């Protein structure tokens, strides 16, 4: 969103772009609020301070954060995303950084649904815990190798 050409491209597609030049947490908040009907999804690699101002309105959706001012239960959608491809991709990934991008969806799938009405659809959490543990172990190894 720092690129003027990218902003122009988004505006042509009907996306609202805040008028301020600097991209900061309030810019991201206004961007999300004004474009909420457009199903805004944000990269999980965006620095945490940008999310603090909207933390009550973001939900894990695949490998992104989905913005909604209304409580969302994306458990079933994430389960489908996981089963239709993310699981295969995560098992093939060897880079430590990319693997850690899978942790939010895995934690959600392991925990189950946030709404009691769909909580019964929760699957056993063992496969998710196993993958989470493997990723965390890899991250620890990576961190330890940096110390030598």
C-alpha atoms as a PDB file:
ATOM      1  CA  UNK A   1       0.000   0.000   0.000  1.00  0.00           C
ATOM      2  CA  UNK A   2       3.040   2.251  -0.009  1.00  0.00           C
ATOM      3  CA  UNK A   3       3.213   2.235  -3.811  1.00  0.00           C
ATOM      4  CA  UNK A   4       1.243   5.011  -5.526  1.00  0.00           C
ATOM      5  CA  UNK A   5       0.743   2.778  -8.580  1.00  0.00           C
ATOM      6  CA  UNK A   6      -0.673  -0.009  -6.421  1.00  0.00           C
ATOM      7  CA  UNK A   7      -3.023   2.449  -4.681  1.00  0.00           C
ATOM      8  CA  UNK A   8      -4.255   3.711  -8.063  1.00  0.00           C
ATOM      9  CA  UNK A   9      -4.828   0.143  -9.218  1.00  0.00           C
ATOM     10  CA  UNK A  10      -6.876  -0.625  -6.096  1.00  0.00           C
ATOM     11  CA  UNK A  11      -8.910   2.580  -6.455  1.00  0.00           C
ATOM     12  CA  UNK A  12      -9.773   1.591 -10.040  1.00  0.00           C
ATOM     13  CA  UNK A  13     -11.148  -1.678  -8.640  1.00  0.00           C
ATOM     14  CA  UNK A  14     -13.406   0.203  -6.218  1.00  0.00           C
ATOM     15  CA  UNK A  15     -11.234  -0.197  -3.145  1.00  0.00           C
ATOM     16  CA  UNK A  16     -11.217   2.751  -0.738  1.00  0.00           C
ATOM     17  CA  UNK A  17      -7.715   4.041   0.040  1.00  0.00           C
ATOM     18  CA  UNK A  18      -7.304   6.400   3.013  1.00  0.00           C
ATOM     19  CA  UNK A  19      -6.023   9.833   2.041  1.00  0.00           C
ATOM     20  CA  UNK A  20      -3.065   9.853   4.407  1.00  0.00           C
ATOM     21  CA  UNK A  21       0.290   9.095   2.803  1.00  0.00           C
ATOM     22  CA  UNK A  22       1.886   7.161   5.650  1.00  0.00           C
ATOM     23  CA  UNK A  23       0.766   3.565   6.132  1.00  0.00           C
ATOM     24  CA  UNK A  24       0.395   3.143   9.898  1.00  0.00           C
ATOM     25  CA  UNK A  25      -2.068   1.356  12.225  1.00  0.00           C
ATOM     26  CA  UNK A  26      -4.773   4.013  11.804  1.00  0.00           C
ATOM     27  CA  UNK A  27      -4.392   3.789   8.003  1.00  0.00           C
ATOM     28  CA  UNK A  28      -4.866  -0.003   8.175  1.00  0.00           C
ATOM     29  CA  UNK A  29      -7.894   0.413  10.473  1.00  0.00           C
ATOM     30  CA  UNK A  30      -9.574   2.912   8.138  1.00  0.00           C
ATOM     31  CA  UNK A  31      -8.703   0.793   5.103  1.00  0.00           C
ATOM     32  CA  UNK A  32     -10.304  -2.273   6.700  1.00  0.00           C
ATOM     33  CA  UNK A  33     -13.413  -0.482   7.985  1.00  0.00           C
ATOM     34  CA  UNK A  34     -14.165   1.283   4.692  1.00  0.00           C
ATOM     35  CA  UNK A  35     -13.588  -1.881   2.639  1.00  0.00           C
ATOM     36  CA  UNK A  36     -15.220  -4.384   4.979  1.00  0.00           C
ATOM     37  CA  UNK A  37     -17.861  -5.370   2.392  1.00  0.00           C
ATOM     38  CA  UNK A  38     -15.019  -6.324   0.050  1.00  0.00           C
ATOM     39  CA  UNK A  39     -13.833  -9.162   2.326  1.00  0.00           C
ATOM     40  CA  UNK A  40     -10.497  -7.688   3.359  1.00  0.00           C
ATOM     41  CA  UNK A  41      -7.757 -10.216   4.074  1.00  0.00           C
ATOM     42  CA  UNK A  42      -4.390  -9.151   5.439  1.00  0.00           C
ATOM     43  CA  UNK A  43      -1.054 -10.910   5.363  1.00  0.00           C
ATOM     44  CA  UNK A  44       0.021 -12.456   8.647  1.00  0.00           C
ATOM     45  CA  UNK A  45       3.502 -11.105   7.986  1.00  0.00           C
ATOM     46  CA  UNK A  46       2.379  -7.504   8.582  1.00  0.00           C
ATOM     47  CA  UNK A  47       4.011  -6.167  11.744  1.00  0.00           C
ATOM     48  CA  UNK A  48       1.979  -6.802  14.917  1.00  0.00           C
ATOM     49  CA  UNK A  49       1.489  -3.103  15.851  1.00  0.00           C
ATOM     50  CA  UNK A  50      -0.669  -2.660  12.738  1.00  0.00           C
ATOM     51  CA  UNK A  51      -3.075  -5.285  14.073  1.00  0.00           C
ATOM     52  CA  UNK A  52      -3.362  -4.040  17.653  1.00  0.00           C
ATOM     53  CA  UNK A  53      -5.921  -1.361  16.803  1.00  0.00           C
ATOM     54  CA  UNK A  54      -8.140  -3.920  14.989  1.00  0.00           C
ATOM     55  CA  UNK A  55      -7.306  -7.037  17.019  1.00  0.00           C
ATOM     56  CA  UNK A  56     -10.946  -7.609  18.060  1.00  0.00           C
ATOM     57  CA  UNK A  57     -12.007  -7.676  14.391  1.00  0.00           C
ATOM     58  CA  UNK A  58      -9.514 -10.026  12.756  1.00  0.00           C
ATOM     59  CA  UNK A  59      -9.911 -13.760  12.352  1.00  0.00           C
ATOM     60  CA  UNK A  60      -7.667 -16.480  10.967  1.00  0.00           C
ATOM     61  CA  UNK A  61      -8.719 -17.432   7.445  1.00  0.00           C
ATOM     62  CA  UNK A  62      -6.291 -19.804   5.803  1.00  0.00           C
ATOM     63  CA  UNK A  63      -2.896 -18.118   5.853  1.00  0.00           C
ATOM     64  CA  UNK A  64      -4.329 -14.616   6.264  1.00  0.00           C
ATOM     65  CA  UNK A  65      -6.205 -12.484   8.747  1.00  0.00           C
ATOM     66  CA  UNK A  66      -9.782 -11.725   7.693  1.00  0.00           C
ATOM     67  CA  UNK A  67     -11.266  -8.415   8.850  1.00  0.00           C
ATOM     68  CA  UNK A  68     -14.879  -8.289  10.061  1.00  0.00           C
ATOM     69  CA  UNK A  69     -16.587  -6.112  12.652  1.00  0.00           C
ATOM     70  CA  UNK A  70     -19.040  -9.006  13.173  1.00  0.00           C
ATOM     71  CA  UNK A  71     -17.913 -12.097  15.109  1.00  0.00           C
ATOM     72  CA  UNK A  72     -16.826 -14.748  12.617  1.00  0.00           C
ATOM     73  CA  UNK A  73     -16.591 -18.497  12.999  1.00  0.00           C
ATOM     74  CA  UNK A  74     -14.313 -19.617  10.189  1.00  0.00           C
ATOM     75  CA  UNK A  75     -13.546 -23.046  11.645  1.00  0.00           C
ATOM     76  CA  UNK A  76     -15.415 -25.001   8.960  1.00  0.00           C
ATOM     77  CA  UNK A  77     -13.998 -22.859   6.150  1.00  0.00           C
ATOM     78  CA  UNK A  78     -10.472 -23.280   7.544  1.00  0.00           C
ATOM     79  CA  UNK A  79     -10.989 -27.008   7.908  1.00  0.00           C
ATOM     80  CA  UNK A  80     -11.950 -27.214   4.231  1.00  0.00           C
ATOM     81  CA  UNK A  81      -8.956 -25.064   3.219  1.00  0.00           C
ATOM     82  CA  UNK A  82      -6.685 -27.292   5.283  1.00  0.00           C
ATOM     83  CA  UNK A  83      -8.023 -30.537   3.881  1.00  0.00           C
ATOM     84  CA  UNK A  84      -8.079 -29.309   0.268  1.00  0.00           C
ATOM     85  CA  UNK A  85      -4.476 -28.232   0.053  1.00  0.00           C
ATOM     86  CA  UNK A  86      -2.873 -26.404   2.944  1.00  0.00           C
ATOM     87  CA  UNK A  87      -2.042 -29.667   4.713  1.00  0.00           C
ATOM     88  CA  UNK A  88      -0.196 -30.979   1.668  1.00  0.00           C
ATOM     89  CA  UNK A  89       1.656 -27.692   1.235  1.00  0.00           C
ATOM     90  CA  UNK A  90       2.664 -27.443   4.890  1.00  0.00           C
ATOM     91  CA  UNK A  91       4.062 -30.954   4.931  1.00  0.00           C
ATOM     92  CA  UNK A  92       6.277 -30.209   1.912  1.00  0.00           C
ATOM     93  CA  UNK A  93       7.599 -26.872   3.161  1.00  0.00           C
ATOM     94  CA  UNK A  94      11.124 -26.975   4.517  1.00  0.00           C
ATOM     95  CA  UNK A  95      11.755 -23.303   5.338  1.00  0.00           C
ATOM     96  CA  UNK A  96      11.294 -22.402   8.988  1.00  0.00           C
ATOM     97  CA  UNK A  97       9.719 -19.003   8.315  1.00  0.00           C
ATOM     98  CA  UNK A  98       7.063 -20.335   5.986  1.00  0.00           C
ATOM     99  CA  UNK A  99       6.189 -23.181   8.330  1.00  0.00           C
ATOM    100  CA  UNK A 100       5.443 -20.745  11.129  1.00  0.00           C
ATOM    101  CA  UNK A 101       2.797 -19.124   8.900  1.00  0.00           C
ATOM    102  CA  UNK A 102       0.730 -22.291   9.363  1.00  0.00           C
ATOM    103  CA  UNK A 103       0.604 -22.017  13.160  1.00  0.00           C
ATOM    104  CA  UNK A 104      -2.463 -19.733  13.464  1.00  0.00           C
ATOM    105  CA  UNK A 105      -4.729 -21.977  11.357  1.00  0.00           C
ATOM    106  CA  UNK A 106      -3.369 -25.088  13.081  1.00  0.00           C
ATOM    107  CA  UNK A 107      -4.034 -23.622  16.528  1.00  0.00           C
ATOM    108  CA  UNK A 108      -7.578 -22.780  15.469  1.00  0.00           C
ATOM    109  CA  UNK A 109      -8.213 -26.232  14.030  1.00  0.00           C
ATOM    110  CA  UNK A 110      -6.791 -27.867  17.151  1.00  0.00           C
ATOM    111  CA  UNK A 111      -8.952 -25.687  19.420  1.00  0.00           C
ATOM    112  CA  UNK A 112     -12.146 -26.178  17.463  1.00  0.00           C
ATOM    113  CA  UNK A 113     -14.919 -23.790  16.579  1.00  0.00           C
ATOM    114  CA  UNK A 114     -15.591 -20.570  18.485  1.00  0.00           C
ATOM    115  CA  UNK A 115     -19.346 -21.025  18.302  1.00  0.00           C
ATOM    116  CA  UNK A 116     -21.065 -23.670  20.368  1.00  0.00           C
ATOM    117  CA  UNK A 117     -23.458 -24.550  17.528  1.00  0.00           C
ATOM    118  CA  UNK A 118     -20.682 -25.856  15.281  1.00  0.00           C
ATOM    119  CA  UNK A 119     -18.337 -27.025  18.038  1.00  0.00           C
ATOM    120  CA  UNK A 120     -19.592 -30.585  17.614  1.00  0.00           C
ATOM    121  CA  UNK A 121     -17.998 -30.661  14.144  1.00  0.00           C
ATOM    122  CA  UNK A 122     -14.545 -30.505  15.701  1.00  0.00           C
ATOM    123  CA  UNK A 123     -12.229 -33.289  14.627  1.00  0.00           C
ATOM    124  CA  UNK A 124      -9.688 -34.961  16.887  1.00  0.00           C
ATOM    125  CA  UNK A 125      -6.836 -32.532  17.515  1.00  0.00           C
ATOM    126  CA  UNK A 126      -3.969 -35.039  17.467  1.00  0.00           C
ATOM    127  CA  UNK A 127      -2.955 -34.488  13.813  1.00  0.00           C
ATOM    128  CA  UNK A 128      -2.896 -30.725  14.335  1.00  0.00           C
ATOM    129  CA  UNK A 129      -0.928 -30.977  17.571  1.00  0.00           C
ATOM    130  CA  UNK A 130       1.624 -33.235  15.883  1.00  0.00           C
ATOM    131  CA  UNK A 131       2.189 -30.751  13.045  1.00  0.00           C
ATOM    132  CA  UNK A 132       2.281 -27.806  15.475  1.00  0.00           C
ATOM    133  CA  UNK A 133       4.898 -29.595  17.582  1.00  0.00           C
ATOM    134  CA  UNK A 134       6.987 -30.362  14.485  1.00  0.00           C
ATOM    135  CA  UNK A 135       6.929 -26.723  13.354  1.00  0.00           C
ATOM    136  CA  UNK A 136       7.773 -25.465  16.850  1.00  0.00           C
ATOM    137  CA  UNK A 137      10.659 -27.953  17.070  1.00  0.00           C
ATOM    138  CA  UNK A 138      11.971 -26.745  13.708  1.00  0.00           C
ATOM    139  CA  UNK A 139      11.733 -23.138  14.862  1.00  0.00           C
ATOM    140  CA  UNK A 140      13.685 -24.007  18.019  1.00  0.00           C
ATOM    141  CA  UNK A 141      16.372 -25.718  15.936  1.00  0.00           C
ATOM    142  CA  UNK A 142      16.564 -22.698  13.671  1.00  0.00           C
ATOM    143  CA  UNK A 143      16.873 -20.341  16.628  1.00  0.00           C
ATOM    144  CA  UNK A 144      19.544 -22.523  18.249  1.00  0.00           C
ATOM    145  CA  UNK A 145      21.587 -22.634  15.037  1.00  0.00           C
ATOM    146  CA  UNK A 146      21.610 -18.806  14.953  1.00  0.00           C
ATOM    147  CA  UNK A 147      23.239 -18.770  18.383  1.00  0.00           C
ATOM    148  CA  UNK A 148      26.356 -20.649  17.180  1.00  0.00           C
END
